[in-house]
Amino acid sequence: DGRQVRKGAVDAVKKWVQAQGGVIPADLEAKGNAIASEGGTPLAVAV
């Protein structure tokens, strides 16, 4: 139906969304950093 779904590194997905004129959620960075600080890996999901 034309929709594009992406999953990957937070900074990579941010660049992809911004390249299409999208807006980055205000709490994305904080929640991503919280996962990383606990030793986890955050993967961003975008539509």
ModelCIF file with pLDDT and N, C-alpha, C, O atoms, coordinates in Angstrom:
data_MODEL
#
_entry.id   MODEL 
#
_entity.id                         1 
_entity.type                       polymer 
_entity.pdbx_number_of_molecules   1 
#
_entity_poly.entity_id                      1 
_entity_poly.type                           'polypeptide(L)' 
_entity_poly.nstd_linkage                   no 
_entity_poly.nstd_monomer                   no 
_entity_poly.pdbx_seq_one_letter_code       DGRQVRKGAVDAVKKWVQAQGGVIPADLEAKGNAIASEGGTPLAVAV 
_entity_poly.pdbx_seq_one_letter_code_can   DGRQVRKGAVDAVKKWVQAQGGVIPADLEAKGNAIASEGGTPLAVAV 
_entity_poly.pdbx_strand_id                 A 
#
loop_
_entity_poly_seq.entity_id 
_entity_poly_seq.num 
_entity_poly_seq.mon_id 
_entity_poly_seq.hetero 
1 1  ASP n 
1 2  GLY n 
1 3  ARG n 
1 4  GLN n 
1 5  VAL n 
1 6  ARG n 
1 7  LYS n 
1 8  GLY n 
1 9  ALA n 
1 10 VAL n 
1 11 ASP n 
1 12 ALA n 
1 13 VAL n 
1 14 LYS n 
1 15 LYS n 
1 16 TRP n 
1 17 VAL n 
1 18 GLN n 
1 19 ALA n 
1 20 GLN n 
1 21 GLY n 
1 22 GLY n 
1 23 VAL n 
1 24 ILE n 
1 25 PRO n 
1 26 ALA n 
1 27 ASP n 
1 28 LEU n 
1 29 GLU n 
1 30 ALA n 
1 31 LYS n 
1 32 GLY n 
1 33 ASN n 
1 34 ALA n 
1 35 ILE n 
1 36 ALA n 
1 37 SER n 
1 38 GLU n 
1 39 GLY n 
1 40 GLY n 
1 41 THR n 
1 42 PRO n 
1 43 LEU n 
1 44 ALA n 
1 45 VAL n 
1 46 ALA n 
1 47 VAL n 
#
_struct_asym.id          A 
_struct_asym.entity_id   1 
#
loop_
_ma_qa_metric.id 
_ma_qa_metric.mode 
_ma_qa_metric.name 
_ma_qa_metric.software_group_id 
_ma_qa_metric.type 
1 global pLDDT . pLDDT 
2 local  pLDDT . pLDDT 
#
_ma_qa_metric_global.metric_id      1 
_ma_qa_metric_global.metric_value   88.79 
_ma_qa_metric_global.model_id       1 
_ma_qa_metric_global.ordinal_id     1 
#
loop_
_ma_qa_metric_local.label_asym_id 
_ma_qa_metric_local.label_comp_id 
_ma_qa_metric_local.label_seq_id 
_ma_qa_metric_local.metric_id 
_ma_qa_metric_local.metric_value 
_ma_qa_metric_local.model_id 
_ma_qa_metric_local.ordinal_id 
A ASP 1  2 87.00 1 1  
A GLY 2  2 89.00 1 2  
A ARG 3  2 91.00 1 3  
A GLN 4  2 92.00 1 4  
A VAL 5  2 93.00 1 5  
A ARG 6  2 93.00 1 6  
A LYS 7  2 93.00 1 7  
A GLY 8  2 89.00 1 8  
A ALA 9  2 86.00 1 9  
A VAL 10 2 89.00 1 10 
A ASP 11 2 89.00 1 11 
A ALA 12 2 89.00 1 12 
A VAL 13 2 93.00 1 13 
A LYS 14 2 93.00 1 14 
A LYS 15 2 92.00 1 15 
A TRP 16 2 93.00 1 16 
A VAL 17 2 93.00 1 17 
A GLN 18 2 92.00 1 18 
A ALA 19 2 91.00 1 19 
A GLN 20 2 88.00 1 20 
A GLY 21 2 90.00 1 21 
A GLY 22 2 90.00 1 22 
A VAL 23 2 88.00 1 23 
A ILE 24 2 92.00 1 24 
A PRO 25 2 92.00 1 25 
A ALA 26 2 92.00 1 26 
A ASP 27 2 93.00 1 27 
A LEU 28 2 93.00 1 28 
A GLU 29 2 90.00 1 29 
A ALA 30 2 92.00 1 30 
A LYS 31 2 92.00 1 31 
A GLY 32 2 88.00 1 32 
A ASN 33 2 84.00 1 33 
A ALA 34 2 87.00 1 34 
A ILE 35 2 85.00 1 35 
A ALA 36 2 78.00 1 36 
A SER 37 2 75.00 1 37 
A GLU 38 2 76.00 1 38 
A GLY 39 2 67.00 1 39 
A GLY 40 2 80.00 1 40 
A THR 41 2 80.00 1 41 
A PRO 42 2 88.00 1 42 
A LEU 43 2 91.00 1 43 
A ALA 44 2 94.00 1 44 
A VAL 45 2 94.00 1 45 
A ALA 46 2 94.00 1 46 
A VAL 47 2 93.00 1 47 
#
loop_
_atom_site.group_PDB 
_atom_site.id 
_atom_site.type_symbol 
_atom_site.label_atom_id 
_atom_site.label_alt_id 
_atom_site.label_comp_id 
_atom_site.label_asym_id 
_atom_site.label_entity_id 
_atom_site.label_seq_id 
_atom_site.pdbx_PDB_ins_code 
_atom_site.Cartn_x 
_atom_site.Cartn_y 
_atom_site.Cartn_z 
_atom_site.occupancy 
_atom_site.B_iso_or_equiv 
_atom_site.pdbx_formal_charge 
_atom_site.auth_seq_id 
_atom_site.auth_comp_id 
_atom_site.auth_asym_id 
_atom_site.auth_atom_id 
_atom_site.pdbx_PDB_model_num 
ATOM 1   N N  . ASP A 1 1  ? 0.815  -1.221 0.000  1.00 87.00 ? 1  ASP A N  1 
ATOM 2   C CA . ASP A 1 1  ? 0.000  0.000  0.000  1.00 87.00 ? 1  ASP A CA 1 
ATOM 3   C C  . ASP A 1 1  ? 0.845  1.266  0.000  1.00 87.00 ? 1  ASP A C  1 
ATOM 4   O O  . ASP A 1 1  ? 0.314  2.372  0.107  1.00 87.00 ? 1  ASP A O  1 
ATOM 5   N N  . GLY A 1 2  ? 2.182  1.104  -0.122 1.00 89.00 ? 2  GLY A N  1 
ATOM 6   C CA . GLY A 1 2  ? 3.050  2.264  -0.230 1.00 89.00 ? 2  GLY A CA 1 
ATOM 7   C C  . GLY A 1 2  ? 3.714  2.686  1.064  1.00 89.00 ? 2  GLY A C  1 
ATOM 8   O O  . GLY A 1 2  ? 4.655  3.479  1.045  1.00 89.00 ? 2  GLY A O  1 
ATOM 9   N N  . ARG A 1 3  ? 3.232  2.161  2.209  1.00 91.00 ? 3  ARG A N  1 
ATOM 10  C CA . ARG A 1 3  ? 3.852  2.530  3.468  1.00 91.00 ? 3  ARG A CA 1 
ATOM 11  C C  . ARG A 1 3  ? 5.218  1.864  3.609  1.00 91.00 ? 3  ARG A C  1 
ATOM 12  O O  . ARG A 1 3  ? 5.428  0.745  3.142  1.00 91.00 ? 3  ARG A O  1 
ATOM 13  N N  . GLN A 1 4  ? 6.133  2.564  4.254  1.00 92.00 ? 4  GLN A N  1 
ATOM 14  C CA . GLN A 1 4  ? 7.481  2.062  4.476  1.00 92.00 ? 4  GLN A CA 1 
ATOM 15  C C  . GLN A 1 4  ? 7.733  1.892  5.979  1.00 92.00 ? 4  GLN A C  1 
ATOM 16  O O  . GLN A 1 4  ? 7.489  2.804  6.769  1.00 92.00 ? 4  GLN A O  1 
ATOM 17  N N  . VAL A 1 5  ? 8.221  0.716  6.354  1.00 93.00 ? 5  VAL A N  1 
ATOM 18  C CA . VAL A 1 5  ? 8.501  0.407  7.766  1.00 93.00 ? 5  VAL A CA 1 
ATOM 19  C C  . VAL A 1 5  ? 9.990  0.150  7.906  1.00 93.00 ? 5  VAL A C  1 
ATOM 20  O O  . VAL A 1 5  ? 10.576 -0.614 7.140  1.00 93.00 ? 5  VAL A O  1 
ATOM 21  N N  . ARG A 1 6  ? 10.597 0.799  8.897  1.00 93.00 ? 6  ARG A N  1 
ATOM 22  C CA . ARG A 1 6  ? 12.035 0.618  9.111  1.00 93.00 ? 6  ARG A CA 1 
ATOM 23  C C  . ARG A 1 6  ? 12.318 0.299  10.588 1.00 93.00 ? 6  ARG A C  1 
ATOM 24  O O  . ARG A 1 6  ? 11.610 0.734  11.496 1.00 93.00 ? 6  ARG A O  1 
ATOM 25  N N  . LYS A 1 7  ? 13.370 -0.470 10.774 1.00 93.00 ? 7  LYS A N  1 
ATOM 26  C CA . LYS A 1 7  ? 13.817 -0.865 12.118 1.00 93.00 ? 7  LYS A CA 1 
ATOM 27  C C  . LYS A 1 7  ? 15.344 -0.847 12.116 1.00 93.00 ? 7  LYS A C  1 
ATOM 28  O O  . LYS A 1 7  ? 15.962 -1.459 11.245 1.00 93.00 ? 7  LYS A O  1 
ATOM 29  N N  . GLY A 1 8  ? 15.963 -0.156 13.076 1.00 89.00 ? 8  GLY A N  1 
ATOM 30  C CA . GLY A 1 8  ? 17.416 -0.105 13.086 1.00 89.00 ? 8  GLY A CA 1 
ATOM 31  C C  . GLY A 1 8  ? 17.956 0.802  14.170 1.00 89.00 ? 8  GLY A C  1 
ATOM 32  O O  . GLY A 1 8  ? 17.242 1.182  15.098 1.00 89.00 ? 8  GLY A O  1 
ATOM 33  N N  . ALA A 1 9  ? 19.251 1.150  14.038 1.00 86.00 ? 9  ALA A N  1 
ATOM 34  C CA . ALA A 1 9  ? 19.905 2.033  15.002 1.00 86.00 ? 9  ALA A CA 1 
ATOM 35  C C  . ALA A 1 9  ? 19.148 3.347  15.092 1.00 86.00 ? 9  ALA A C  1 
ATOM 36  O O  . ALA A 1 9  ? 18.654 3.860  14.088 1.00 86.00 ? 9  ALA A O  1 
ATOM 37  N N  . VAL A 1 10 ? 19.060 3.896  16.315 1.00 89.00 ? 10 VAL A N  1 
ATOM 38  C CA . VAL A 1 10 ? 18.253 5.099  16.550 1.00 89.00 ? 10 VAL A CA 1 
ATOM 39  C C  . VAL A 1 10 ? 18.682 6.258  15.660 1.00 89.00 ? 10 VAL A C  1 
ATOM 40  O O  . VAL A 1 10 ? 17.841 6.896  15.027 1.00 89.00 ? 10 VAL A O  1 
ATOM 41  N N  . ASP A 1 11 ? 19.991 6.538  15.603 1.00 89.00 ? 11 ASP A N  1 
ATOM 42  C CA . ASP A 1 11 ? 20.445 7.677  14.805 1.00 89.00 ? 11 ASP A CA 1 
ATOM 43  C C  . ASP A 1 11 ? 20.188 7.460  13.322 1.00 89.00 ? 11 ASP A C  1 
ATOM 44  O O  . ASP A 1 11 ? 19.892 8.408  12.595 1.00 89.00 ? 11 ASP A O  1 
ATOM 45  N N  . ALA A 1 12 ? 20.301 6.203  12.867 1.00 89.00 ? 12 ALA A N  1 
ATOM 46  C CA . ALA A 1 12 ? 20.057 5.909  11.452 1.00 89.00 ? 12 ALA A CA 1 
ATOM 47  C C  . ALA A 1 12 ? 18.591 6.104  11.095 1.00 89.00 ? 12 ALA A C  1 
ATOM 48  O O  . ALA A 1 12 ? 18.274 6.672  10.049 1.00 89.00 ? 12 ALA A O  1 
ATOM 49  N N  . VAL A 1 13 ? 17.694 5.636  11.960 1.00 93.00 ? 13 VAL A N  1 
ATOM 50  C CA . VAL A 1 13 ? 16.259 5.779  11.706 1.00 93.00 ? 13 VAL A CA 1 
ATOM 51  C C  . VAL A 1 13 ? 15.852 7.251  11.794 1.00 93.00 ? 13 VAL A C  1 
ATOM 52  O O  . VAL A 1 13 ? 15.005 7.709  11.028 1.00 93.00 ? 13 VAL A O  1 
ATOM 53  N N  . LYS A 1 14 ? 16.460 7.995  12.735 1.00 93.00 ? 14 LYS A N  1 
ATOM 54  C CA . LYS A 1 14 ? 16.181 9.437  12.850 1.00 93.00 ? 14 LYS A CA 1 
ATOM 55  C C  . LYS A 1 14 ? 16.503 10.152 11.534 1.00 93.00 ? 14 LYS A C  1 
ATOM 56  O O  . LYS A 1 14 ? 15.712 10.957 11.045 1.00 93.00 ? 14 LYS A O  1 
ATOM 57  N N  . LYS A 1 15 ? 17.668 9.847  10.974 1.00 92.00 ? 15 LYS A N  1 
ATOM 58  C CA . LYS A 1 15 ? 18.072 10.490 9.720  1.00 92.00 ? 15 LYS A CA 1 
ATOM 59  C C  . LYS A 1 15 ? 17.106 10.123 8.594  1.00 92.00 ? 15 LYS A C  1 
ATOM 60  O O  . LYS A 1 15 ? 16.777 10.959 7.752  1.00 92.00 ? 15 LYS A O  1 
ATOM 61  N N  . TRP A 1 16 ? 16.667 8.897  8.588  1.00 93.00 ? 16 TRP A N  1 
ATOM 62  C CA . TRP A 1 16 ? 15.746 8.431  7.530  1.00 93.00 ? 16 TRP A CA 1 
ATOM 63  C C  . TRP A 1 16 ? 14.410 9.159  7.636  1.00 93.00 ? 16 TRP A C  1 
ATOM 64  O O  . TRP A 1 16 ? 13.850 9.584  6.625  1.00 93.00 ? 16 TRP A O  1 
ATOM 65  N N  . VAL A 1 17 ? 13.902 9.303  8.850  1.00 93.00 ? 17 VAL A N  1 
ATOM 66  C CA . VAL A 1 17 ? 12.626 9.996  9.069  1.00 93.00 ? 17 VAL A CA 1 
ATOM 67  C C  . VAL A 1 17 ? 12.751 11.477 8.726  1.00 93.00 ? 17 VAL A C  1 
ATOM 68  O O  . VAL A 1 17 ? 11.879 12.051 8.073  1.00 93.00 ? 17 VAL A O  1 
ATOM 69  N N  . GLN A 1 18 ? 13.851 12.090 9.177  1.00 92.00 ? 18 GLN A N  1 
ATOM 70  C CA . GLN A 1 18 ? 14.055 13.515 8.892  1.00 92.00 ? 18 GLN A CA 1 
ATOM 71  C C  . GLN A 1 18 ? 14.190 13.778 7.399  1.00 92.00 ? 18 GLN A C  1 
ATOM 72  O O  . GLN A 1 18 ? 13.743 14.810 6.898  1.00 92.00 ? 18 GLN A O  1 
ATOM 73  N N  . ALA A 1 19 ? 14.816 12.829 6.685  1.00 91.00 ? 19 ALA A N  1 
ATOM 74  C CA . ALA A 1 19 ? 14.978 12.991 5.235  1.00 91.00 ? 19 ALA A CA 1 
ATOM 75  C C  . ALA A 1 19 ? 13.634 13.007 4.525  1.00 91.00 ? 19 ALA A C  1 
ATOM 76  O O  . ALA A 1 19 ? 13.527 13.522 3.412  1.00 91.00 ? 19 ALA A O  1 
ATOM 77  N N  . GLN A 1 20 ? 12.597 12.442 5.165  1.00 88.00 ? 20 GLN A N  1 
ATOM 78  C CA . GLN A 1 20 ? 11.262 12.428 4.571  1.00 88.00 ? 20 GLN A CA 1 
ATOM 79  C C  . GLN A 1 20 ? 10.373 13.531 5.137  1.00 88.00 ? 20 GLN A C  1 
ATOM 80  O O  . GLN A 1 20 ? 9.175  13.592 4.857  1.00 88.00 ? 20 GLN A O  1 
ATOM 81  N N  . GLY A 1 21 ? 10.990 14.403 5.943  1.00 90.00 ? 21 GLY A N  1 
ATOM 82  C CA . GLY A 1 21 ? 10.224 15.526 6.482  1.00 90.00 ? 21 GLY A CA 1 
ATOM 83  C C  . GLY A 1 21 ? 9.486  15.223 7.759  1.00 90.00 ? 21 GLY A C  1 
ATOM 84  O O  . GLY A 1 21 ? 8.617  15.990 8.174  1.00 90.00 ? 21 GLY A O  1 
ATOM 85  N N  . GLY A 1 22 ? 9.822  14.105 8.394  1.00 90.00 ? 22 GLY A N  1 
ATOM 86  C CA . GLY A 1 22 ? 9.157  13.740 9.639  1.00 90.00 ? 22 GLY A CA 1 
ATOM 87  C C  . GLY A 1 22 ? 9.698  14.500 10.840 1.00 90.00 ? 22 GLY A C  1 
ATOM 88  O O  . GLY A 1 22 ? 10.737 15.156 10.766 1.00 90.00 ? 22 GLY A O  1 
ATOM 89  N N  . VAL A 1 23 ? 8.955  14.395 11.973 1.00 88.00 ? 23 VAL A N  1 
ATOM 90  C CA . VAL A 1 23 ? 9.339  15.055 13.222 1.00 88.00 ? 23 VAL A CA 1 
ATOM 91  C C  . VAL A 1 23 ? 9.783  13.993 14.233 1.00 88.00 ? 23 VAL A C  1 
ATOM 92  O O  . VAL A 1 23 ? 9.157  12.939 14.350 1.00 88.00 ? 23 VAL A O  1 
ATOM 93  N N  . ILE A 1 24 ? 10.859 14.275 14.956 1.00 92.00 ? 24 ILE A N  1 
ATOM 94  C CA . ILE A 1 24 ? 11.398 13.326 15.937 1.00 92.00 ? 24 ILE A CA 1 
ATOM 95  C C  . ILE A 1 24 ? 10.708 13.536 17.278 1.00 92.00 ? 24 ILE A C  1 
ATOM 96  O O  . ILE A 1 24 ? 10.676 14.666 17.767 1.00 92.00 ? 24 ILE A O  1 
ATOM 97  N N  . PRO A 1 25 ? 10.152 12.485 17.896 1.00 92.00 ? 25 PRO A N  1 
ATOM 98  C CA . PRO A 1 25 ? 9.495  12.619 19.201 1.00 92.00 ? 25 PRO A CA 1 
ATOM 99  C C  . PRO A 1 25 ? 10.452 13.185 20.247 1.00 92.00 ? 25 PRO A C  1 
ATOM 100 O O  . PRO A 1 25 ? 11.641 12.866 20.238 1.00 92.00 ? 25 PRO A O  1 
ATOM 101 N N  . ALA A 1 26 ? 9.945  14.014 21.138 1.00 92.00 ? 26 ALA A N  1 
ATOM 102 C CA . ALA A 1 26 ? 10.777 14.685 22.138 1.00 92.00 ? 26 ALA A CA 1 
ATOM 103 C C  . ALA A 1 26 ? 11.394 13.707 23.136 1.00 92.00 ? 26 ALA A C  1 
ATOM 104 O O  . ALA A 1 26 ? 12.484 13.953 23.651 1.00 92.00 ? 26 ALA A O  1 
ATOM 105 N N  . ASP A 1 27 ? 10.699 12.591 23.412 1.00 93.00 ? 27 ASP A N  1 
ATOM 106 C CA . ASP A 1 27 ? 11.199 11.648 24.432 1.00 93.00 ? 27 ASP A CA 1 
ATOM 107 C C  . ASP A 1 27 ? 12.044 10.515 23.847 1.00 93.00 ? 27 ASP A C  1 
ATOM 108 O O  . ASP A 1 27 ? 12.460 9.621  24.584 1.00 93.00 ? 27 ASP A O  1 
ATOM 109 N N  . LEU A 1 28 ? 12.304 10.535 22.549 1.00 93.00 ? 28 LEU A N  1 
ATOM 110 C CA . LEU A 1 28 ? 13.061 9.460  21.910 1.00 93.00 ? 28 LEU A CA 1 
ATOM 111 C C  . LEU A 1 28 ? 14.472 9.348  22.471 1.00 93.00 ? 28 LEU A C  1 
ATOM 112 O O  . LEU A 1 28 ? 14.914 8.260  22.839 1.00 93.00 ? 28 LEU A O  1 
ATOM 113 N N  . GLU A 1 29 ? 15.174 10.466 22.534 1.00 90.00 ? 29 GLU A N  1 
ATOM 114 C CA . GLU A 1 29 ? 16.570 10.432 22.963 1.00 90.00 ? 29 GLU A CA 1 
ATOM 115 C C  . GLU A 1 29 ? 16.701 9.976  24.410 1.00 90.00 ? 29 GLU A C  1 
ATOM 116 O O  . GLU A 1 29 ? 17.576 9.174  24.735 1.00 90.00 ? 29 GLU A O  1 
ATOM 117 N N  . ALA A 1 30 ? 15.836 10.483 25.277 1.00 92.00 ? 30 ALA A N  1 
ATOM 118 C CA . ALA A 1 30 ? 15.910 10.129 26.696 1.00 92.00 ? 30 ALA A CA 1 
ATOM 119 C C  . ALA A 1 30 ? 15.655 8.640  26.911 1.00 92.00 ? 30 ALA A C  1 
ATOM 120 O O  . ALA A 1 30 ? 16.371 7.984  27.667 1.00 92.00 ? 30 ALA A O  1 
ATOM 121 N N  . LYS A 1 31 ? 14.621 8.106  26.235 1.00 92.00 ? 31 LYS A N  1 
ATOM 122 C CA . LYS A 1 31 ? 14.312 6.685  26.408 1.00 92.00 ? 31 LYS A CA 1 
ATOM 123 C C  . LYS A 1 31 ? 15.379 5.792  25.773 1.00 92.00 ? 31 LYS A C  1 
ATOM 124 O O  . LYS A 1 31 ? 15.680 4.710  26.278 1.00 92.00 ? 31 LYS A O  1 
ATOM 125 N N  . GLY A 1 32 ? 15.948 6.263  24.656 1.00 88.00 ? 32 GLY A N  1 
ATOM 126 C CA . GLY A 1 32 ? 17.039 5.506  24.036 1.00 88.00 ? 32 GLY A CA 1 
ATOM 127 C C  . GLY A 1 32 ? 18.263 5.463  24.919 1.00 88.00 ? 32 GLY A C  1 
ATOM 128 O O  . GLY A 1 32 ? 18.909 4.423  25.043 1.00 88.00 ? 32 GLY A O  1 
ATOM 129 N N  . ASN A 1 33 ? 18.591 6.612  25.546 1.00 84.00 ? 33 ASN A N  1 
ATOM 130 C CA . ASN A 1 33 ? 19.742 6.673  26.447 1.00 84.00 ? 33 ASN A CA 1 
ATOM 131 C C  . ASN A 1 33 ? 19.529 5.814  27.693 1.00 84.00 ? 33 ASN A C  1 
ATOM 132 O O  . ASN A 1 33 ? 20.471 5.218  28.215 1.00 84.00 ? 33 ASN A O  1 
ATOM 133 N N  . ALA A 1 34 ? 18.288 5.758  28.161 1.00 87.00 ? 34 ALA A N  1 
ATOM 134 C CA . ALA A 1 34 ? 17.982 4.944  29.345 1.00 87.00 ? 34 ALA A CA 1 
ATOM 135 C C  . ALA A 1 34 ? 18.247 3.465  29.068 1.00 87.00 ? 34 ALA A C  1 
ATOM 136 O O  . ALA A 1 34 ? 18.790 2.757  29.916 1.00 87.00 ? 34 ALA A O  1 
ATOM 137 N N  . ILE A 1 35 ? 17.864 3.007  27.886 1.00 85.00 ? 35 ILE A N  1 
ATOM 138 C CA . ILE A 1 35 ? 18.124 1.611  27.509 1.00 85.00 ? 35 ILE A CA 1 
ATOM 139 C C  . ILE A 1 35 ? 19.624 1.361  27.399 1.00 85.00 ? 35 ILE A C  1 
ATOM 140 O O  . ILE A 1 35 ? 20.129 0.354  27.896 1.00 85.00 ? 35 ILE A O  1 
ATOM 141 N N  . ALA A 1 36 ? 20.335 2.282  26.747 1.00 78.00 ? 36 ALA A N  1 
ATOM 142 C CA . ALA A 1 36 ? 21.779 2.119  26.562 1.00 78.00 ? 36 ALA A CA 1 
ATOM 143 C C  . ALA A 1 36 ? 22.520 2.125  27.886 1.00 78.00 ? 36 ALA A C  1 
ATOM 144 O O  . ALA A 1 36 ? 23.496 1.393  28.053 1.00 78.00 ? 36 ALA A O  1 
ATOM 145 N N  . SER A 1 37 ? 22.059 2.961  28.854 1.00 75.00 ? 37 SER A N  1 
ATOM 146 C CA . SER A 1 37 ? 22.741 3.045  30.145 1.00 75.00 ? 37 SER A CA 1 
ATOM 147 C C  . SER A 1 37 ? 22.621 1.758  30.945 1.00 75.00 ? 37 SER A C  1 
ATOM 148 O O  . SER A 1 37 ? 23.430 1.509  31.839 1.00 75.00 ? 37 SER A O  1 
ATOM 149 N N  . GLU A 1 38 ? 21.627 0.942  30.637 1.00 76.00 ? 38 GLU A N  1 
ATOM 150 C CA . GLU A 1 38 ? 21.443 -0.344 31.318 1.00 76.00 ? 38 GLU A CA 1 
ATOM 151 C C  . GLU A 1 38 ? 22.138 -1.477 30.569 1.00 76.00 ? 38 GLU A C  1 
ATOM 152 O O  . GLU A 1 38 ? 21.989 -2.648 30.918 1.00 76.00 ? 38 GLU A O  1 
ATOM 153 N N  . GLY A 1 39 ? 22.908 -1.113 29.526 1.00 67.00 ? 39 GLY A N  1 
ATOM 154 C CA . GLY A 1 39 ? 23.639 -2.126 28.783 1.00 67.00 ? 39 GLY A CA 1 
ATOM 155 C C  . GLY A 1 39 ? 22.858 -2.729 27.646 1.00 67.00 ? 39 GLY A C  1 
ATOM 156 O O  . GLY A 1 39 ? 23.338 -3.651 26.986 1.00 67.00 ? 39 GLY A O  1 
ATOM 157 N N  . GLY A 1 40 ? 21.628 -2.215 27.396 1.00 80.00 ? 40 GLY A N  1 
ATOM 158 C CA . GLY A 1 40 ? 20.823 -2.735 26.306 1.00 80.00 ? 40 GLY A CA 1 
ATOM 159 C C  . GLY A 1 40 ? 21.096 -1.997 25.006 1.00 80.00 ? 40 GLY A C  1 
ATOM 160 O O  . GLY A 1 40 ? 21.864 -1.036 24.965 1.00 80.00 ? 40 GLY A O  1 
ATOM 161 N N  . THR A 1 41 ? 20.452 -2.465 23.951 1.00 80.00 ? 41 THR A N  1 
ATOM 162 C CA . THR A 1 41 ? 20.575 -1.823 22.641 1.00 80.00 ? 41 THR A CA 1 
ATOM 163 C C  . THR A 1 41 ? 19.197 -1.373 22.187 1.00 80.00 ? 41 THR A C  1 
ATOM 164 O O  . THR A 1 41 ? 18.305 -2.208 22.035 1.00 80.00 ? 41 THR A O  1 
ATOM 165 N N  . PRO A 1 42 ? 18.990 -0.050 21.963 1.00 88.00 ? 42 PRO A N  1 
ATOM 166 C CA . PRO A 1 42 ? 17.690 0.412  21.476 1.00 88.00 ? 42 PRO A CA 1 
ATOM 167 C C  . PRO A 1 42 ? 17.623 0.368  19.955 1.00 88.00 ? 42 PRO A C  1 
ATOM 168 O O  . PRO A 1 42 ? 18.524 0.859  19.275 1.00 88.00 ? 42 PRO A O  1 
ATOM 169 N N  . LEU A 1 43 ? 16.557 -0.220 19.423 1.00 91.00 ? 43 LEU A N  1 
ATOM 170 C CA . LEU A 1 43 ? 16.293 -0.189 17.985 1.00 91.00 ? 43 LEU A CA 1 
ATOM 171 C C  . LEU A 1 43 ? 15.033 0.645  17.768 1.00 91.00 ? 43 LEU A C  1 
ATOM 172 O O  . LEU A 1 43 ? 13.991 0.379  18.367 1.00 91.00 ? 43 LEU A O  1 
ATOM 173 N N  . ALA A 1 44 ? 15.136 1.645  16.914 1.00 94.00 ? 44 ALA A N  1 
ATOM 174 C CA . ALA A 1 44 ? 13.969 2.492  16.629 1.00 94.00 ? 44 ALA A CA 1 
ATOM 175 C C  . ALA A 1 44 ? 13.092 1.850  15.563 1.00 94.00 ? 44 ALA A C  1 
ATOM 176 O O  . ALA A 1 44 ? 13.593 1.206  14.641 1.00 94.00 ? 44 ALA A O  1 
ATOM 177 N N  . VAL A 1 45 ? 11.778 2.028  15.694 1.00 94.00 ? 45 VAL A N  1 
ATOM 178 C CA . VAL A 1 45 ? 10.806 1.509  14.735 1.00 94.00 ? 45 VAL A CA 1 
ATOM 179 C C  . VAL A 1 45 ? 10.031 2.700  14.169 1.00 94.00 ? 45 VAL A C  1 
ATOM 180 O O  . VAL A 1 45 ? 9.448  3.493  14.909 1.00 94.00 ? 45 VAL A O  1 
ATOM 181 N N  . ALA A 1 46 ? 10.039 2.804  12.838 1.00 94.00 ? 46 ALA A N  1 
ATOM 182 C CA . ALA A 1 46 ? 9.377  3.939  12.198 1.00 94.00 ? 46 ALA A CA 1 
ATOM 183 C C  . ALA A 1 46 ? 8.455  3.477  11.080 1.00 94.00 ? 46 ALA A C  1 
ATOM 184 O O  . ALA A 1 46 ? 8.729  2.496  10.389 1.00 94.00 ? 46 ALA A O  1 
ATOM 185 N N  . VAL A 1 47 ? 7.354  4.206  10.921 1.00 93.00 ? 47 VAL A N  1 
ATOM 186 C CA . VAL A 1 47 ? 6.424  3.981  9.819  1.00 93.00 ? 47 VAL A CA 1 
ATOM 187 C C  . VAL A 1 47 ? 6.315  5.297  9.062  1.00 93.00 ? 47 VAL A C  1 
ATOM 188 O O  . VAL A 1 47 ? 5.586  5.382  8.074  1.00 93.00 ? 47 VAL A O  1 
#
